[in-house]
């Protein structure tokens, strides 16, 4: 039987740190985290370093861990009315089009999946909340970038690995991402065809809260005819309008 995944172990460590903070007692260092979770010390060191890189954990001068800013951003998002209302909208989209519907937020150069619902003909049943994908070559990710100008894009994507990431139509440079964004803005709909996975088309629109893009709603699946694409555009627009009104 396979052992626990890096994601589940990372979440276990994060949960242990947060539970310790909530108790009001002194926080854990790496050794105490290993004892508390039953993980090997070397494994704890590697995973906590990754969580610190992602800003989900902080470590003070005494090597004691505490929750980082990314944890609080994610926790704050869960209290947003639009996110509480998203499940019904995602189920409606997934059921109507037989695709996978997602709601995604930005996490630096990555897109973080908050919720997803799969229709009866959806092709990927492995999606789980908490998964991350490149923000530049997924439909839901690129919808989060629609307000970025060229300098903001360059700052966000500085140093990312374009080569070998994504599908056959994925952007391979900041300039190509900017061109795709310009096309998306002109069409009023983000459309990513073969950009993350070959044979998969994803449509997306941003959700704006207080005038700023807070998330994106997307549907993905096999290629669809133009008539279905137009219906998806209308359905996504209606879903976004209802979420924004919350």
C-alpha atoms as a PDB file:
ATOM      1  CA  UNK A   1       0.000   0.000   0.000  1.00  0.00           C
ATOM      2  CA  UNK A   2       1.293   3.452  -0.835  1.00  0.00           C
ATOM      3  CA  UNK A   3       2.316   5.709   2.037  1.00  0.00           C
ATOM      4  CA  UNK A   4       0.854   9.145   2.701  1.00  0.00           C
ATOM      5  CA  UNK A   5       1.444  11.765   0.019  1.00  0.00           C
ATOM      6  CA  UNK A   6       3.589  14.857   0.447  1.00  0.00           C
ATOM      7  CA  UNK A   7       0.400  16.931   0.325  1.00  0.00           C
ATOM      8  CA  UNK A   8      -1.291  15.014   3.140  1.00  0.00           C
ATOM      9  CA  UNK A   9       1.884  15.059   5.246  1.00  0.00           C
ATOM     10  CA  UNK A  10       2.344  18.775   4.654  1.00  0.00           C
ATOM     11  CA  UNK A  11      -1.249  19.413   5.702  1.00  0.00           C
ATOM     12  CA  UNK A  12      -0.672  17.285   8.809  1.00  0.00           C
ATOM     13  CA  UNK A  13       2.317  19.424   9.769  1.00  0.00           C
ATOM     14  CA  UNK A  14       0.435  22.638   9.099  1.00  0.00           C
ATOM     15  CA  UNK A  15      -2.503  21.389  11.156  1.00  0.00           C
ATOM     16  CA  UNK A  16      -0.212  20.479  14.043  1.00  0.00           C
ATOM     17  CA  UNK A  17       1.334  23.956  14.034  1.00  0.00           C
ATOM     18  CA  UNK A  18      -2.054  25.690  13.914  1.00  0.00           C
ATOM     19  CA  UNK A  19      -3.527  23.469  16.652  1.00  0.00           C
ATOM     20  CA  UNK A  20      -0.547  24.266  18.858  1.00  0.00           C
ATOM     21  CA  UNK A  21      -0.984  28.000  18.283  1.00  0.00           C
ATOM     22  CA  UNK A  22      -4.700  27.815  19.060  1.00  0.00           C
ATOM     23  CA  UNK A  23      -3.955  26.032  22.351  1.00  0.00           C
ATOM     24  CA  UNK A  24      -2.012  29.048  23.620  1.00  0.00           C
ATOM     25  CA  UNK A  25       1.012  26.901  24.442  1.00  0.00           C
ATOM     26  CA  UNK A  26       4.554  27.468  23.090  1.00  0.00           C
ATOM     27  CA  UNK A  27       4.935  26.393  19.483  1.00  0.00           C
ATOM     28  CA  UNK A  28       6.742  23.369  18.109  1.00  0.00           C
ATOM     29  CA  UNK A  29      10.174  23.212  16.538  1.00  0.00           C
ATOM     30  CA  UNK A  30      11.000  20.565  13.911  1.00  0.00           C
ATOM     31  CA  UNK A  31      11.920  17.898  16.470  1.00  0.00           C
ATOM     32  CA  UNK A  32       8.690  18.348  18.408  1.00  0.00           C
ATOM     33  CA  UNK A  33       6.698  18.344  15.163  1.00  0.00           C
ATOM     34  CA  UNK A  34       8.300  15.015  14.255  1.00  0.00           C
ATOM     35  CA  UNK A  35       7.329  13.593  17.654  1.00  0.00           C
ATOM     36  CA  UNK A  36       3.793  14.957  17.477  1.00  0.00           C
ATOM     37  CA  UNK A  37       3.058  13.728  13.940  1.00  0.00           C
ATOM     38  CA  UNK A  38       5.112  10.538  13.980  1.00  0.00           C
ATOM     39  CA  UNK A  39       7.083  11.568  10.892  1.00  0.00           C
ATOM     40  CA  UNK A  40      10.808  11.157  10.375  1.00  0.00           C
ATOM     41  CA  UNK A  41      12.841  14.210  11.361  1.00  0.00           C
ATOM     42  CA  UNK A  42      14.392  14.508   7.883  1.00  0.00           C
ATOM     43  CA  UNK A  43      10.934  14.398   6.289  1.00  0.00           C
ATOM     44  CA  UNK A  44       9.654  17.108   8.625  1.00  0.00           C
ATOM     45  CA  UNK A  45      12.645  19.303   7.790  1.00  0.00           C
ATOM     46  CA  UNK A  46      12.061  19.019   4.059  1.00  0.00           C
ATOM     47  CA  UNK A  47       8.303  19.578   4.174  1.00  0.00           C
ATOM     48  CA  UNK A  48       8.466  22.495   6.596  1.00  0.00           C
ATOM     49  CA  UNK A  49      11.047  24.130   4.326  1.00  0.00           C
ATOM     50  CA  UNK A  50       8.643  23.770   1.384  1.00  0.00           C
ATOM     51  CA  UNK A  51       5.774  25.172   3.470  1.00  0.00           C
ATOM     52  CA  UNK A  52       7.945  28.123   4.459  1.00  0.00           C
ATOM     53  CA  UNK A  53       8.840  28.738   0.821  1.00  0.00           C
ATOM     54  CA  UNK A  54       5.114  28.842   0.030  1.00  0.00           C
ATOM     55  CA  UNK A  55       4.488  31.153   3.037  1.00  0.00           C
ATOM     56  CA  UNK A  56       2.220  28.645   4.777  1.00  0.00           C
ATOM     57  CA  UNK A  57       4.642  28.463   7.706  1.00  0.00           C
ATOM     58  CA  UNK A  58       6.897  30.976   9.426  1.00  0.00           C
ATOM     59  CA  UNK A  59       9.803  30.184  11.766  1.00  0.00           C
ATOM     60  CA  UNK A  60      11.061  32.544  14.456  1.00  0.00           C
ATOM     61  CA  UNK A  61      14.570  33.012  15.830  1.00  0.00           C
ATOM     62  CA  UNK A  62      14.036  30.143  18.239  1.00  0.00           C
ATOM     63  CA  UNK A  63      13.228  27.787  15.306  1.00  0.00           C
ATOM     64  CA  UNK A  64       9.595  27.592  16.456  1.00  0.00           C
ATOM     65  CA  UNK A  65       6.997  27.331  13.694  1.00  0.00           C
ATOM     66  CA  UNK A  66       3.786  29.316  13.350  1.00  0.00           C
ATOM     67  CA  UNK A  67       1.204  29.781  10.614  1.00  0.00           C
ATOM     68  CA  UNK A  68       2.354  31.992   7.747  1.00  0.00           C
ATOM     69  CA  UNK A  69       0.584  34.645   5.686  1.00  0.00           C
ATOM     70  CA  UNK A  70      -0.561  32.251   2.947  1.00  0.00           C
ATOM     71  CA  UNK A  71      -2.428  30.183   5.548  1.00  0.00           C
ATOM     72  CA  UNK A  72      -4.300  33.244   6.771  1.00  0.00           C
ATOM     73  CA  UNK A  73      -5.127  34.347   3.223  1.00  0.00           C
ATOM     74  CA  UNK A  74      -6.595  30.935   2.476  1.00  0.00           C
ATOM     75  CA  UNK A  75      -8.462  30.840   5.791  1.00  0.00           C
ATOM     76  CA  UNK A  76      -9.873  34.316   5.168  1.00  0.00           C
ATOM     77  CA  UNK A  77     -11.057  33.317   1.703  1.00  0.00           C
ATOM     78  CA  UNK A  78     -13.064  30.448   3.155  1.00  0.00           C
ATOM     79  CA  UNK A  79     -15.228  32.950   5.015  1.00  0.00           C
ATOM     80  CA  UNK A  80     -16.128  34.918   1.908  1.00  0.00           C
ATOM     81  CA  UNK A  81     -19.827  34.712   0.945  1.00  0.00           C
ATOM     82  CA  UNK A  82     -18.957  34.128  -2.704  1.00  0.00           C
ATOM     83  CA  UNK A  83     -16.979  31.039  -1.783  1.00  0.00           C
ATOM     84  CA  UNK A  84     -19.732  29.654   0.422  1.00  0.00           C
ATOM     85  CA  UNK A  85     -22.113  30.062  -2.497  1.00  0.00           C
ATOM     86  CA  UNK A  86     -19.728  28.607  -5.061  1.00  0.00           C
ATOM     87  CA  UNK A  87     -20.589  24.951  -4.552  1.00  0.00           C
ATOM     88  CA  UNK A  88     -24.090  25.314  -5.958  1.00  0.00           C
ATOM     89  CA  UNK A  89     -22.784  27.240  -8.968  1.00  0.00           C
ATOM     90  CA  UNK A  90     -20.076  24.663  -9.654  1.00  0.00           C
ATOM     91  CA  UNK A  91     -22.540  21.792  -9.432  1.00  0.00           C
ATOM     92  CA  UNK A  92     -24.887  23.574 -11.808  1.00  0.00           C
ATOM     93  CA  UNK A  93     -22.119  24.096 -14.363  1.00  0.00           C
ATOM     94  CA  UNK A  94     -20.735  20.565 -14.040  1.00  0.00           C
ATOM     95  CA  UNK A  95     -24.141  18.977 -14.390  1.00  0.00           C
ATOM     96  CA  UNK A  96     -25.231  21.067 -17.350  1.00  0.00           C
ATOM     97  CA  UNK A  97     -22.093  20.638 -19.461  1.00  0.00           C
ATOM     98  CA  UNK A  98     -20.772  17.291 -18.221  1.00  0.00           C
ATOM     99  CA  UNK A  99     -17.446  18.950 -17.441  1.00  0.00           C
ATOM    100  CA  UNK A 100     -15.369  19.685 -14.353  1.00  0.00           C
ATOM    101  CA  UNK A 101     -16.105  23.050 -12.755  1.00  0.00           C
ATOM    102  CA  UNK A 102     -13.560  24.752 -10.515  1.00  0.00           C
ATOM    103  CA  UNK A 103     -13.048  27.797  -8.379  1.00  0.00           C
ATOM    104  CA  UNK A 104      -9.427  28.881  -8.149  1.00  0.00           C
ATOM    105  CA  UNK A 105      -7.391  31.588  -6.433  1.00  0.00           C
ATOM    106  CA  UNK A 106      -3.888  32.893  -7.072  1.00  0.00           C
ATOM    107  CA  UNK A 107      -0.934  31.733  -5.004  1.00  0.00           C
ATOM    108  CA  UNK A 108       2.018  33.544  -6.556  1.00  0.00           C
ATOM    109  CA  UNK A 109       2.815  31.953  -9.940  1.00  0.00           C
ATOM    110  CA  UNK A 110       0.506  29.054  -9.114  1.00  0.00           C
ATOM    111  CA  UNK A 111      -3.276  28.620  -9.195  1.00  0.00           C
ATOM    112  CA  UNK A 112      -4.683  27.068  -6.012  1.00  0.00           C
ATOM    113  CA  UNK A 113      -7.824  24.941  -6.380  1.00  0.00           C
ATOM    114  CA  UNK A 114     -10.369  25.739  -3.661  1.00  0.00           C
ATOM    115  CA  UNK A 115     -13.378  23.758  -4.848  1.00  0.00           C
ATOM    116  CA  UNK A 116     -14.343  21.557  -7.757  1.00  0.00           C
ATOM    117  CA  UNK A 117     -17.332  19.579  -8.960  1.00  0.00           C
ATOM    118  CA  UNK A 118     -17.270  16.974 -11.727  1.00  0.00           C
ATOM    119  CA  UNK A 119     -20.023  16.242 -14.212  1.00  0.00           C
ATOM    120  CA  UNK A 120     -20.968  12.737 -15.364  1.00  0.00           C
ATOM    121  CA  UNK A 121     -18.657  12.882 -18.394  1.00  0.00           C
ATOM    122  CA  UNK A 122     -15.750  14.660 -16.700  1.00  0.00           C
ATOM    123  CA  UNK A 123     -12.379  13.223 -17.683  1.00  0.00           C
ATOM    124  CA  UNK A 124     -10.337  13.863 -14.518  1.00  0.00           C
ATOM    125  CA  UNK A 125     -11.673  12.503 -11.247  1.00  0.00           C
ATOM    126  CA  UNK A 126      -8.348  13.013  -9.438  1.00  0.00           C
ATOM    127  CA  UNK A 127      -8.776  16.729  -8.731  1.00  0.00           C
ATOM    128  CA  UNK A 128      -8.705  17.667  -5.060  1.00  0.00           C
ATOM    129  CA  UNK A 129      -8.967  21.015  -3.250  1.00  0.00           C
ATOM    130  CA  UNK A 130      -5.505  22.251  -2.348  1.00  0.00           C
ATOM    131  CA  UNK A 131      -3.918  21.209  -5.637  1.00  0.00           C
ATOM    132  CA  UNK A 132      -1.795  23.791  -7.430  1.00  0.00           C
ATOM    133  CA  UNK A 133      -1.191  24.246 -11.143  1.00  0.00           C
ATOM    134  CA  UNK A 134       0.779  26.843 -13.137  1.00  0.00           C
ATOM    135  CA  UNK A 135      -1.138  30.098 -13.241  1.00  0.00           C
ATOM    136  CA  UNK A 136      -0.095  30.961 -16.799  1.00  0.00           C
ATOM    137  CA  UNK A 137      -1.138  27.851 -18.758  1.00  0.00           C
ATOM    138  CA  UNK A 138      -4.498  26.967 -17.202  1.00  0.00           C
ATOM    139  CA  UNK A 139      -7.763  28.705 -18.007  1.00  0.00           C
ATOM    140  CA  UNK A 140      -8.687  29.317 -14.387  1.00  0.00           C
ATOM    141  CA  UNK A 141      -5.182  30.507 -13.653  1.00  0.00           C
ATOM    142  CA  UNK A 142      -4.979  32.935 -16.547  1.00  0.00           C
ATOM    143  CA  UNK A 143      -8.338  34.465 -15.608  1.00  0.00           C
ATOM    144  CA  UNK A 144      -6.630  35.549 -12.399  1.00  0.00           C
ATOM    145  CA  UNK A 145      -4.080  37.505 -14.450  1.00  0.00           C
ATOM    146  CA  UNK A 146      -6.470  39.572 -16.563  1.00  0.00           C
ATOM    147  CA  UNK A 147      -5.669  42.793 -14.691  1.00  0.00           C
ATOM    148  CA  UNK A 148      -1.885  42.280 -14.891  1.00  0.00           C
ATOM    149  CA  UNK A 149       0.056  44.586 -17.190  1.00  0.00           C
ATOM    150  CA  UNK A 150       3.385  43.535 -18.732  1.00  0.00           C
ATOM    151  CA  UNK A 151       5.599  44.714 -15.812  1.00  0.00           C
ATOM    152  CA  UNK A 152       3.349  42.924 -13.304  1.00  0.00           C
ATOM    153  CA  UNK A 153       3.492  39.746 -15.390  1.00  0.00           C
ATOM    154  CA  UNK A 154       7.263  39.908 -15.619  1.00  0.00           C
ATOM    155  CA  UNK A 155       7.566  40.355 -11.866  1.00  0.00           C
ATOM    156  CA  UNK A 156       5.153  37.502 -11.124  1.00  0.00           C
ATOM    157  CA  UNK A 157       6.644  35.021 -13.587  1.00  0.00           C
ATOM    158  CA  UNK A 158      10.297  35.937 -13.107  1.00  0.00           C
ATOM    159  CA  UNK A 159      12.267  32.727 -12.795  1.00  0.00           C
ATOM    160  CA  UNK A 160       9.431  30.266 -13.462  1.00  0.00           C
ATOM    161  CA  UNK A 161      10.182  27.159 -15.504  1.00  0.00           C
ATOM    162  CA  UNK A 162       8.294  27.472 -18.786  1.00  0.00           C
ATOM    163  CA  UNK A 163      10.028  24.688 -20.694  1.00  0.00           C
ATOM    164  CA  UNK A 164       8.573  21.267 -20.014  1.00  0.00           C
ATOM    165  CA  UNK A 165       5.548  22.617 -18.144  1.00  0.00           C
ATOM    166  CA  UNK A 166       2.032  22.274 -19.498  1.00  0.00           C
ATOM    167  CA  UNK A 167       0.623  20.894 -22.723  1.00  0.00           C
ATOM    168  CA  UNK A 168       1.584  21.376 -26.373  1.00  0.00           C
ATOM    169  CA  UNK A 169      -0.045  24.821 -26.645  1.00  0.00           C
ATOM    170  CA  UNK A 170       1.276  26.234 -23.343  1.00  0.00           C
ATOM    171  CA  UNK A 171       3.036  29.593 -23.346  1.00  0.00           C
ATOM    172  CA  UNK A 172       6.835  29.343 -23.170  1.00  0.00           C
ATOM    173  CA  UNK A 173       7.641  32.931 -22.238  1.00  0.00           C
ATOM    174  CA  UNK A 174       6.199  35.993 -20.541  1.00  0.00           C
ATOM    175  CA  UNK A 175       5.642  37.541 -23.977  1.00  0.00           C
ATOM    176  CA  UNK A 176       3.500  34.581 -25.051  1.00  0.00           C
ATOM    177  CA  UNK A 177       1.485  34.805 -21.830  1.00  0.00           C
ATOM    178  CA  UNK A 178       0.905  38.513 -22.503  1.00  0.00           C
ATOM    179  CA  UNK A 179      -0.300  37.726 -26.034  1.00  0.00           C
ATOM    180  CA  UNK A 180      -2.754  35.125 -24.734  1.00  0.00           C
ATOM    181  CA  UNK A 181      -4.052  37.563 -22.124  1.00  0.00           C
ATOM    182  CA  UNK A 182      -4.601  40.212 -24.780  1.00  0.00           C
ATOM    183  CA  UNK A 183      -6.625  37.700 -26.815  1.00  0.00           C
ATOM    184  CA  UNK A 184      -8.628  36.662 -23.738  1.00  0.00           C
ATOM    185  CA  UNK A 185      -9.374  40.284 -22.853  1.00  0.00           C
ATOM    186  CA  UNK A 186     -10.557  41.000 -26.389  1.00  0.00           C
ATOM    187  CA  UNK A 187     -12.854  37.944 -26.383  1.00  0.00           C
ATOM    188  CA  UNK A 188     -14.169  38.550 -22.881  1.00  0.00           C
ATOM    189  CA  UNK A 189     -13.532  34.890 -22.057  1.00  0.00           C
ATOM    190  CA  UNK A 190     -10.404  32.942 -21.175  1.00  0.00           C
ATOM    191  CA  UNK A 191     -10.048  29.891 -23.407  1.00  0.00           C
ATOM    192  CA  UNK A 192      -7.141  27.500 -22.890  1.00  0.00           C
ATOM    193  CA  UNK A 193      -6.965  24.696 -25.466  1.00  0.00           C
ATOM    194  CA  UNK A 194      -4.280  22.009 -25.011  1.00  0.00           C
ATOM    195  CA  UNK A 195      -2.416  24.392 -22.722  1.00  0.00           C
ATOM    196  CA  UNK A 196      -2.155  22.328 -19.565  1.00  0.00           C
ATOM    197  CA  UNK A 197      -3.168  18.858 -20.752  1.00  0.00           C
ATOM    198  CA  UNK A 198      -3.430  17.745 -24.370  1.00  0.00           C
ATOM    199  CA  UNK A 199      -7.031  17.210 -25.437  1.00  0.00           C
ATOM    200  CA  UNK A 200      -8.485  19.391 -22.680  1.00  0.00           C
ATOM    201  CA  UNK A 201     -10.203  22.745 -23.222  1.00  0.00           C
ATOM    202  CA  UNK A 202     -10.818  25.100 -20.295  1.00  0.00           C
ATOM    203  CA  UNK A 203     -13.022  28.203 -20.200  1.00  0.00           C
ATOM    204  CA  UNK A 204     -12.844  30.704 -17.350  1.00  0.00           C
ATOM    205  CA  UNK A 205     -13.913  34.103 -16.065  1.00  0.00           C
ATOM    206  CA  UNK A 206     -12.685  36.086 -13.046  1.00  0.00           C
ATOM    207  CA  UNK A 207     -14.730  36.777  -9.917  1.00  0.00           C
ATOM    208  CA  UNK A 208     -14.261  40.335  -8.697  1.00  0.00           C
ATOM    209  CA  UNK A 209     -14.670  41.346  -5.059  1.00  0.00           C
ATOM    210  CA  UNK A 210     -14.596  45.044  -4.260  1.00  0.00           C
ATOM    211  CA  UNK A 211     -13.325  45.709  -7.766  1.00  0.00           C
ATOM    212  CA  UNK A 212     -10.361  43.322  -7.655  1.00  0.00           C
ATOM    213  CA  UNK A 213     -10.004  39.802  -9.006  1.00  0.00           C
ATOM    214  CA  UNK A 214     -10.377  37.435  -6.058  1.00  0.00           C
ATOM    215  CA  UNK A 215     -10.889  34.106  -7.840  1.00  0.00           C
ATOM    216  CA  UNK A 216     -11.868  32.494 -11.109  1.00  0.00           C
ATOM    217  CA  UNK A 217     -14.633  30.120 -12.138  1.00  0.00           C
ATOM    218  CA  UNK A 218     -13.837  27.659 -14.899  1.00  0.00           C
ATOM    219  CA  UNK A 219     -15.080  24.541 -16.657  1.00  0.00           C
ATOM    220  CA  UNK A 220     -12.853  22.043 -18.426  1.00  0.00           C
ATOM    221  CA  UNK A 221     -13.264  18.939 -20.514  1.00  0.00           C
ATOM    222  CA  UNK A 222     -13.091  17.618 -24.048  1.00  0.00           C
ATOM    223  CA  UNK A 223     -13.348  20.088 -26.959  1.00  0.00           C
ATOM    224  CA  UNK A 224     -16.862  21.439 -27.521  1.00  0.00           C
ATOM    225  CA  UNK A 225     -18.683  22.815 -30.598  1.00  0.00           C
ATOM    226  CA  UNK A 226     -19.110  26.550 -31.041  1.00  0.00           C
ATOM    227  CA  UNK A 227     -22.742  26.482 -29.928  1.00  0.00           C
ATOM    228  CA  UNK A 228     -21.747  24.849 -26.640  1.00  0.00           C
ATOM    229  CA  UNK A 229     -18.921  27.316 -26.232  1.00  0.00           C
ATOM    230  CA  UNK A 230     -21.394  30.186 -26.498  1.00  0.00           C
ATOM    231  CA  UNK A 231     -23.638  28.516 -23.912  1.00  0.00           C
ATOM    232  CA  UNK A 232     -20.656  28.066 -21.590  1.00  0.00           C
ATOM    233  CA  UNK A 233     -19.775  31.733 -21.946  1.00  0.00           C
ATOM    234  CA  UNK A 234     -23.290  32.742 -20.921  1.00  0.00           C
ATOM    235  CA  UNK A 235     -23.457  30.234 -18.056  1.00  0.00           C
ATOM    236  CA  UNK A 236     -20.079  31.290 -16.661  1.00  0.00           C
ATOM    237  CA  UNK A 237     -21.088  34.934 -16.881  1.00  0.00           C
ATOM    238  CA  UNK A 238     -24.317  34.264 -15.026  1.00  0.00           C
ATOM    239  CA  UNK A 239     -22.528  32.241 -12.340  1.00  0.00           C
ATOM    240  CA  UNK A 240     -19.936  34.969 -11.816  1.00  0.00           C
ATOM    241  CA  UNK A 241     -22.652  37.633 -11.591  1.00  0.00           C
ATOM    242  CA  UNK A 242     -24.478  35.669  -8.906  1.00  0.00           C
ATOM    243  CA  UNK A 243     -21.288  35.078  -6.899  1.00  0.00           C
ATOM    244  CA  UNK A 244     -20.248  38.728  -7.145  1.00  0.00           C
ATOM    245  CA  UNK A 245     -23.690  39.838  -5.934  1.00  0.00           C
ATOM    246  CA  UNK A 246     -23.099  37.932  -2.709  1.00  0.00           C
END
